[in-house]
Amino acid sequence: MKYPFRNNQGIWGKWSKIILVAVVALLVFLATGPFREKPGIIPGISILTEVNGFFESILSYPAQWFSSLVHPSIYGKGTPEVLTLRHRIIALEKELAHYREVEIENIELRHMLNLKRHTRLNILIAKVIAEDGIPWIKSMILNKGSSDGVTEMDPVLVGRDNSEDGGLVAGEVVNVTLHTSRLLLITDYDCRIAAIDQRSRVRGILVGQGHGICSLKFVQNGKDIKVGDVIVTSGLDGVFPKGFLLGKVVSISPSATHGLFQRVIVKPFVELNYINWVGVVLKTKSID
């Protein structure tokens, strides 16, 4: 009787010897070749590491190619096409930044035109061209001077979204040359403006205190003034027109020397660090 399994077992025996020899040869190659294990490494880990690194390099290639367009220093200089795209991206970024600056400047000019349109004052629009670097002097240089009708003690205003009820006070002109003038900001210690509480009609003198704040001086103890009250120009100093916005009361405290007056701190409405365009109120004549 024939047993069909014997022939298959013979064939399997031959292949098992071949496979065994191949496995031994592979182990010898791995032990002595470039994939041999390093000291302290678990057997087989280096093989898995090499295989994993191979697939990672394939999968990460598209991301590296795209990043090379933006970060040339990391992935080399790139092909001419890549360099062209890179230069185009830089040019577009510069163009976008320019358009943003133009947009901001247009908004400021539109505010100034609204201020000029809704007031009966002769307002000359001027551009800030320089800024004092001295910490205790808060002033800016404007591109308009005596040849444009600017004189000392001219009020300087800043427009806003709704300029129908007046602009924001930035300061006053203190020095004038033929083509430039110096704007003394309201936060400077030498700037003094006659002011009034818009709600209670309590009067005082707004004096700059530096560091972006002002103080409303000569407000007697017990006078009706509260945090949050709006302070405007009173027009009694003969320099600033009546009713222009100065700032808001942010704190009230008794005098440090136990005197007759309260200590009233006012935060100006105008963002002095972001002024680019202003309106100088000329004394020459009013616009009817």
Protein backbone atom coordinates (compact mmCIF):
# COMPACT_ATOMS: atom_id res chain seq x y z
CA MET A 1 0.00 0.00 0.00
CA LYS A 2 1.27 3.42 -0.98
CA TYR A 3 1.27 6.33 1.43
CA PRO A 4 0.89 9.65 -0.42
CA PHE A 5 2.25 11.55 2.54
CA ARG A 6 5.70 10.06 2.20
CA ASN A 7 6.50 11.85 -1.07
CA ASN A 8 5.28 15.14 0.36
CA GLN A 9 7.31 14.59 3.48
CA GLY A 10 10.39 14.01 1.36
CA ILE A 11 9.85 17.22 -0.54
CA TRP A 12 9.22 19.13 2.71
CA GLY A 13 12.39 17.67 4.15
CA LYS A 14 14.45 19.02 1.26
CA TRP A 15 12.93 22.49 1.49
CA SER A 16 13.28 22.57 5.25
CA LYS A 17 17.03 21.98 4.89
CA ILE A 18 17.29 24.75 2.28
CA ILE A 19 15.32 27.18 4.48
CA LEU A 20 17.44 26.28 7.51
CA VAL A 21 20.65 26.95 5.58
CA ALA A 22 19.26 30.29 4.31
CA VAL A 23 18.27 31.38 7.82
CA VAL A 24 21.71 30.51 9.20
CA ALA A 25 23.38 32.40 6.34
CA LEU A 26 21.16 35.42 7.00
CA LEU A 27 21.96 35.42 10.70
CA VAL A 28 25.69 35.22 9.97
CA PHE A 29 25.40 38.15 7.53
CA LEU A 30 23.47 40.26 10.01
CA ALA A 31 25.96 39.48 12.76
CA THR A 32 29.02 40.40 10.71
CA GLY A 33 27.69 42.87 8.08
CA PRO A 34 26.52 46.51 8.27
CA PHE A 35 23.38 45.52 10.17
CA ARG A 36 25.22 43.87 13.08
CA GLU A 37 23.89 44.85 16.47
CA LYS A 38 25.58 47.60 18.45
CA PRO A 39 26.61 47.01 22.04
CA GLY A 40 23.76 47.52 24.43
CA ILE A 41 21.08 47.22 21.71
CA ILE A 42 18.43 44.50 21.86
CA PRO A 43 18.82 42.07 18.92
CA GLY A 44 16.61 43.00 15.99
CA ILE A 45 16.09 46.60 17.10
CA SER A 46 18.63 48.03 14.64
CA ILE A 47 16.95 46.19 11.75
CA LEU A 48 13.58 47.62 12.68
CA THR A 49 15.16 51.04 13.03
CA GLU A 50 16.66 50.88 9.55
CA VAL A 51 13.36 49.76 8.02
CA ASN A 52 11.39 52.40 9.93
CA GLY A 53 13.84 55.11 8.83
CA PHE A 54 13.50 54.03 5.22
CA PHE A 55 9.70 54.38 5.24
CA GLU A 56 9.86 57.66 7.17
CA SER A 57 12.19 59.16 4.57
CA ILE A 58 9.73 58.20 1.82
CA LEU A 59 6.68 59.58 3.64
CA SER A 60 8.38 62.84 4.71
CA TYR A 61 9.80 63.72 1.30
CA PRO A 62 6.71 65.71 0.09
CA ALA A 63 6.68 67.79 3.29
CA GLN A 64 10.42 68.46 3.00
CA TRP A 65 10.03 69.53 -0.62
CA PHE A 66 7.28 72.00 0.27
CA SER A 67 9.22 73.34 3.24
CA SER A 68 12.24 73.93 1.03
CA LEU A 69 10.21 76.57 -0.81
CA VAL A 70 9.91 78.62 2.37
CA HIS A 71 13.03 77.56 4.31
CA PRO A 72 15.85 77.29 1.79
CA SER A 73 18.57 77.27 4.43
CA ILE A 74 17.32 73.92 5.75
CA TYR A 75 16.99 71.95 2.55
CA GLY A 76 19.51 73.60 0.25
CA LYS A 77 19.25 76.11 -2.56
CA GLY A 78 16.69 74.24 -4.65
CA THR A 79 16.04 74.10 -8.36
CA PRO A 80 15.58 77.22 -10.54
CA GLU A 81 11.81 76.69 -10.42
CA VAL A 82 11.91 76.58 -6.61
CA LEU A 83 14.02 79.72 -6.48
CA THR A 84 11.57 81.51 -8.77
CA LEU A 85 8.63 80.50 -6.57
CA ARG A 86 10.53 81.53 -3.45
CA HIS A 87 11.30 84.99 -4.84
CA ARG A 88 7.68 85.37 -5.91
CA ILE A 89 6.46 84.52 -2.39
CA ILE A 90 8.81 87.13 -0.87
CA ALA A 91 7.65 89.75 -3.38
CA LEU A 92 3.99 89.02 -2.60
CA GLU A 93 4.63 89.29 1.16
CA LYS A 94 6.25 92.70 0.68
CA GLU A 95 3.39 93.83 -1.54
CA LEU A 96 0.82 92.68 1.04
CA ALA A 97 2.62 94.58 3.82
CA HIS A 98 2.63 97.70 1.63
CA TYR A 99 -1.10 97.44 0.95
CA ARG A 100 -1.79 97.05 4.68
CA GLU A 101 0.15 100.24 5.42
CA VAL A 102 -1.74 102.08 2.69
CA GLU A 103 -5.05 100.86 4.11
CA ILE A 104 -4.17 102.07 7.63
CA GLU A 105 -3.02 105.43 6.28
CA ASN A 106 -6.24 105.82 4.27
CA ILE A 107 -8.32 105.17 7.39
CA GLU A 108 -6.42 107.86 9.33
CA LEU A 109 -6.76 110.37 6.49
CA ARG A 110 -10.47 109.63 6.21
CA HIS A 111 -10.85 110.38 9.93
CA MET A 112 -9.01 113.68 9.47
CA LEU A 113 -11.20 114.65 6.52
CA ASN A 114 -14.31 113.86 8.56
CA LEU A 115 -13.00 116.08 11.36
CA LYS A 116 -12.31 118.90 8.92
CA ARG A 117 -15.76 118.51 7.36
CA HIS A 118 -17.75 118.50 10.61
CA THR A 119 -16.05 121.39 12.39
CA ARG A 120 -16.08 125.11 11.58
CA LEU A 121 -12.36 125.37 12.21
CA ASN A 122 -9.55 125.93 9.73
CA ILE A 123 -7.76 122.61 10.08
CA LEU A 124 -4.48 121.87 8.32
CA ILE A 125 -3.71 118.17 7.93
CA ALA A 126 -0.09 117.35 8.82
CA LYS A 127 2.01 114.18 8.94
CA VAL A 128 4.23 113.06 11.81
CA ILE A 129 7.77 112.75 10.40
CA ALA A 130 9.85 112.32 13.59
CA GLU A 131 9.59 111.63 17.28
CA ASP A 132 11.68 112.80 20.20
CA GLY A 133 13.79 110.06 21.74
CA ILE A 134 14.13 111.86 25.09
CA PRO A 135 11.97 110.00 27.67
CA TRP A 136 10.90 113.08 29.65
CA ILE A 137 9.96 115.12 26.55
CA LYS A 138 6.78 113.95 24.83
CA SER A 139 6.76 115.63 21.43
CA MET A 140 6.69 114.93 17.69
CA ILE A 141 7.81 116.74 14.54
CA LEU A 142 5.21 117.62 11.91
CA ASN A 143 5.84 118.27 8.22
CA LYS A 144 4.03 121.64 8.27
CA GLY A 145 5.55 124.99 9.35
CA SER A 146 5.15 128.75 9.20
CA SER A 147 5.00 128.68 5.40
CA ASP A 148 1.76 126.68 5.77
CA GLY A 149 0.28 129.08 8.35
CA VAL A 150 1.27 127.13 11.49
CA THR A 151 2.03 129.25 14.59
CA GLU A 152 2.97 128.48 18.18
CA MET A 153 0.18 127.41 20.54
CA ASP A 154 -1.95 126.08 17.68
CA PRO A 155 -4.13 123.20 18.98
CA VAL A 156 -3.53 119.80 17.41
CA LEU A 157 -6.35 117.26 17.04
CA VAL A 158 -6.71 113.66 15.88
CA GLY A 159 -9.73 112.41 13.94
CA ARG A 160 -11.81 109.34 14.80
CA ASP A 161 -14.60 107.19 13.38
CA ASN A 162 -17.30 109.69 14.33
CA SER A 163 -15.93 113.23 14.24
CA GLU A 164 -19.29 115.03 14.18
CA ASP A 165 -18.94 116.06 17.84
CA GLY A 166 -15.24 116.98 17.57
CA GLY A 167 -11.88 115.25 17.50
CA LEU A 168 -9.44 114.04 20.10
CA VAL A 169 -6.89 116.46 21.54
CA ALA A 170 -3.30 115.38 20.87
CA GLY A 171 -1.48 118.49 22.13
CA GLU A 172 -0.32 121.91 20.91
CA VAL A 173 2.39 123.40 18.70
CA VAL A 174 5.35 124.80 20.67
CA ASN A 175 8.06 125.45 18.07
CA VAL A 176 7.74 126.41 14.40
CA THR A 177 10.24 126.56 11.55
CA LEU A 178 9.62 127.39 7.92
CA HIS A 179 8.59 123.87 6.93
CA THR A 180 8.22 121.95 10.21
CA SER A 181 6.73 122.35 13.67
CA ARG A 182 6.94 120.58 17.03
CA LEU A 183 3.86 119.01 18.60
CA LEU A 184 3.89 118.92 22.43
CA LEU A 185 1.73 115.97 23.47
CA ILE A 186 -0.86 116.29 26.24
CA THR A 187 1.05 113.78 28.38
CA ASP A 188 4.12 116.07 28.55
CA TYR A 189 4.71 117.79 31.91
CA ASP A 190 4.72 121.22 30.24
CA CYS A 191 1.32 120.77 28.56
CA ARG A 192 -1.60 122.46 30.37
CA ILE A 193 -5.17 122.63 29.07
CA ALA A 194 -8.28 124.19 30.61
CA ALA A 195 -10.72 121.30 31.06
CA ILE A 196 -14.17 120.49 32.38
CA ASP A 197 -16.05 117.37 33.48
CA GLN A 198 -18.67 116.79 30.78
CA ARG A 199 -21.19 115.38 33.27
CA SER A 200 -20.86 117.50 36.43
CA ARG A 201 -19.25 120.63 34.83
CA VAL A 202 -16.46 120.59 37.43
CA ARG A 203 -13.49 122.55 36.07
CA GLY A 204 -9.77 121.98 36.35
CA ILE A 205 -6.46 122.14 34.50
CA LEU A 206 -5.33 119.02 32.66
CA VAL A 207 -1.57 118.56 33.14
CA GLY A 208 0.60 115.87 31.55
CA GLN A 209 2.17 113.32 33.89
CA GLY A 210 4.20 111.27 31.40
CA HIS A 211 3.81 107.50 30.96
CA GLY A 212 0.61 107.99 28.93
CA ILE A 213 -1.51 109.67 31.64
CA CYS A 214 -2.62 113.15 32.74
CA SER A 215 -3.84 114.72 35.97
CA LEU A 216 -6.81 117.03 36.41
CA LYS A 217 -5.48 119.66 38.80
CA PHE A 218 -7.32 122.03 41.19
CA VAL A 219 -10.39 119.86 41.74
CA GLN A 220 -11.44 120.60 45.29
CA ASN A 221 -12.30 117.87 47.79
CA GLY A 222 -15.99 117.05 47.77
CA LYS A 223 -16.55 118.15 44.17
CA ASP A 224 -18.78 115.90 42.06
CA ILE A 225 -16.36 113.92 39.92
CA LYS A 226 -16.41 110.16 39.39
CA VAL A 227 -14.34 107.43 37.77
CA GLY A 228 -15.49 107.05 34.18
CA ASP A 229 -16.39 110.72 33.70
CA VAL A 230 -15.41 112.22 30.34
CA ILE A 231 -13.13 115.26 30.41
CA VAL A 232 -13.32 117.81 27.57
CA THR A 233 -11.76 121.17 26.79
CA SER A 234 -13.53 124.12 28.44
CA GLY A 235 -12.28 126.75 25.98
CA LEU A 236 -11.35 129.11 28.84
CA ASP A 237 -7.60 129.08 28.10
CA GLY A 238 -8.03 130.85 24.77
CA VAL A 239 -6.05 128.12 22.99
CA PHE A 240 -8.23 125.02 22.64
CA PRO A 241 -11.77 125.25 21.28
CA LYS A 242 -14.55 124.20 23.66
CA GLY A 243 -15.87 120.66 23.76
CA PHE A 244 -13.02 118.62 22.29
CA LEU A 245 -12.39 115.25 23.96
CA LEU A 246 -9.40 114.93 26.29
CA GLY A 247 -9.79 111.68 28.22
CA LYS A 248 -11.59 109.66 30.85
CA VAL A 249 -11.18 109.67 34.64
CA VAL A 250 -9.55 106.40 35.74
CA SER A 251 -8.83 107.07 39.44
CA ILE A 252 -9.62 109.54 42.22
CA SER A 253 -7.84 109.79 45.55
CA PRO A 254 -7.29 112.37 48.29
CA SER A 255 -4.25 114.62 48.03
CA ALA A 256 -1.05 113.01 49.31
CA THR A 257 -0.32 116.17 51.33
CA HIS A 258 -3.85 116.38 52.78
CA GLY A 259 -4.45 119.58 50.83
CA LEU A 260 -7.62 121.12 49.42
CA PHE A 261 -7.62 119.25 46.11
CA GLN A 262 -8.26 115.70 44.97
CA ARG A 263 -5.82 113.68 42.91
CA VAL A 264 -7.68 112.92 39.65
CA ILE A 265 -5.94 110.77 37.03
CA VAL A 266 -7.14 110.97 33.42
CA LYS A 267 -6.33 108.55 30.61
CA PRO A 268 -6.20 110.38 27.23
CA PHE A 269 -8.55 109.14 24.52
CA VAL A 270 -5.95 109.52 21.79
CA GLU A 271 -3.51 106.65 21.27
CA LEU A 272 -0.34 108.74 21.26
CA ASN A 273 1.92 105.87 20.20
CA TYR A 274 -0.05 105.35 16.98
CA ILE A 275 -0.35 108.92 15.69
CA ASN A 276 0.64 109.36 12.04
CA TRP A 277 -1.68 112.15 10.84
CA VAL A 278 -2.98 115.13 12.83
CA GLY A 279 -5.04 118.26 12.27
CA VAL A 280 -3.48 121.60 13.24
CA VAL A 281 -6.14 124.19 14.11
CA LEU A 282 -4.93 127.40 12.44
CA LYS A 283 -5.66 130.83 13.91
CA THR A 284 -5.84 132.57 10.53
CA LYS A 285 -9.59 132.33 10.09
CA SER A 286 -12.56 130.09 10.69
CA ILE A 287 -14.41 128.25 8.00
CA ASP A 288 -18.09 129.25 7.84
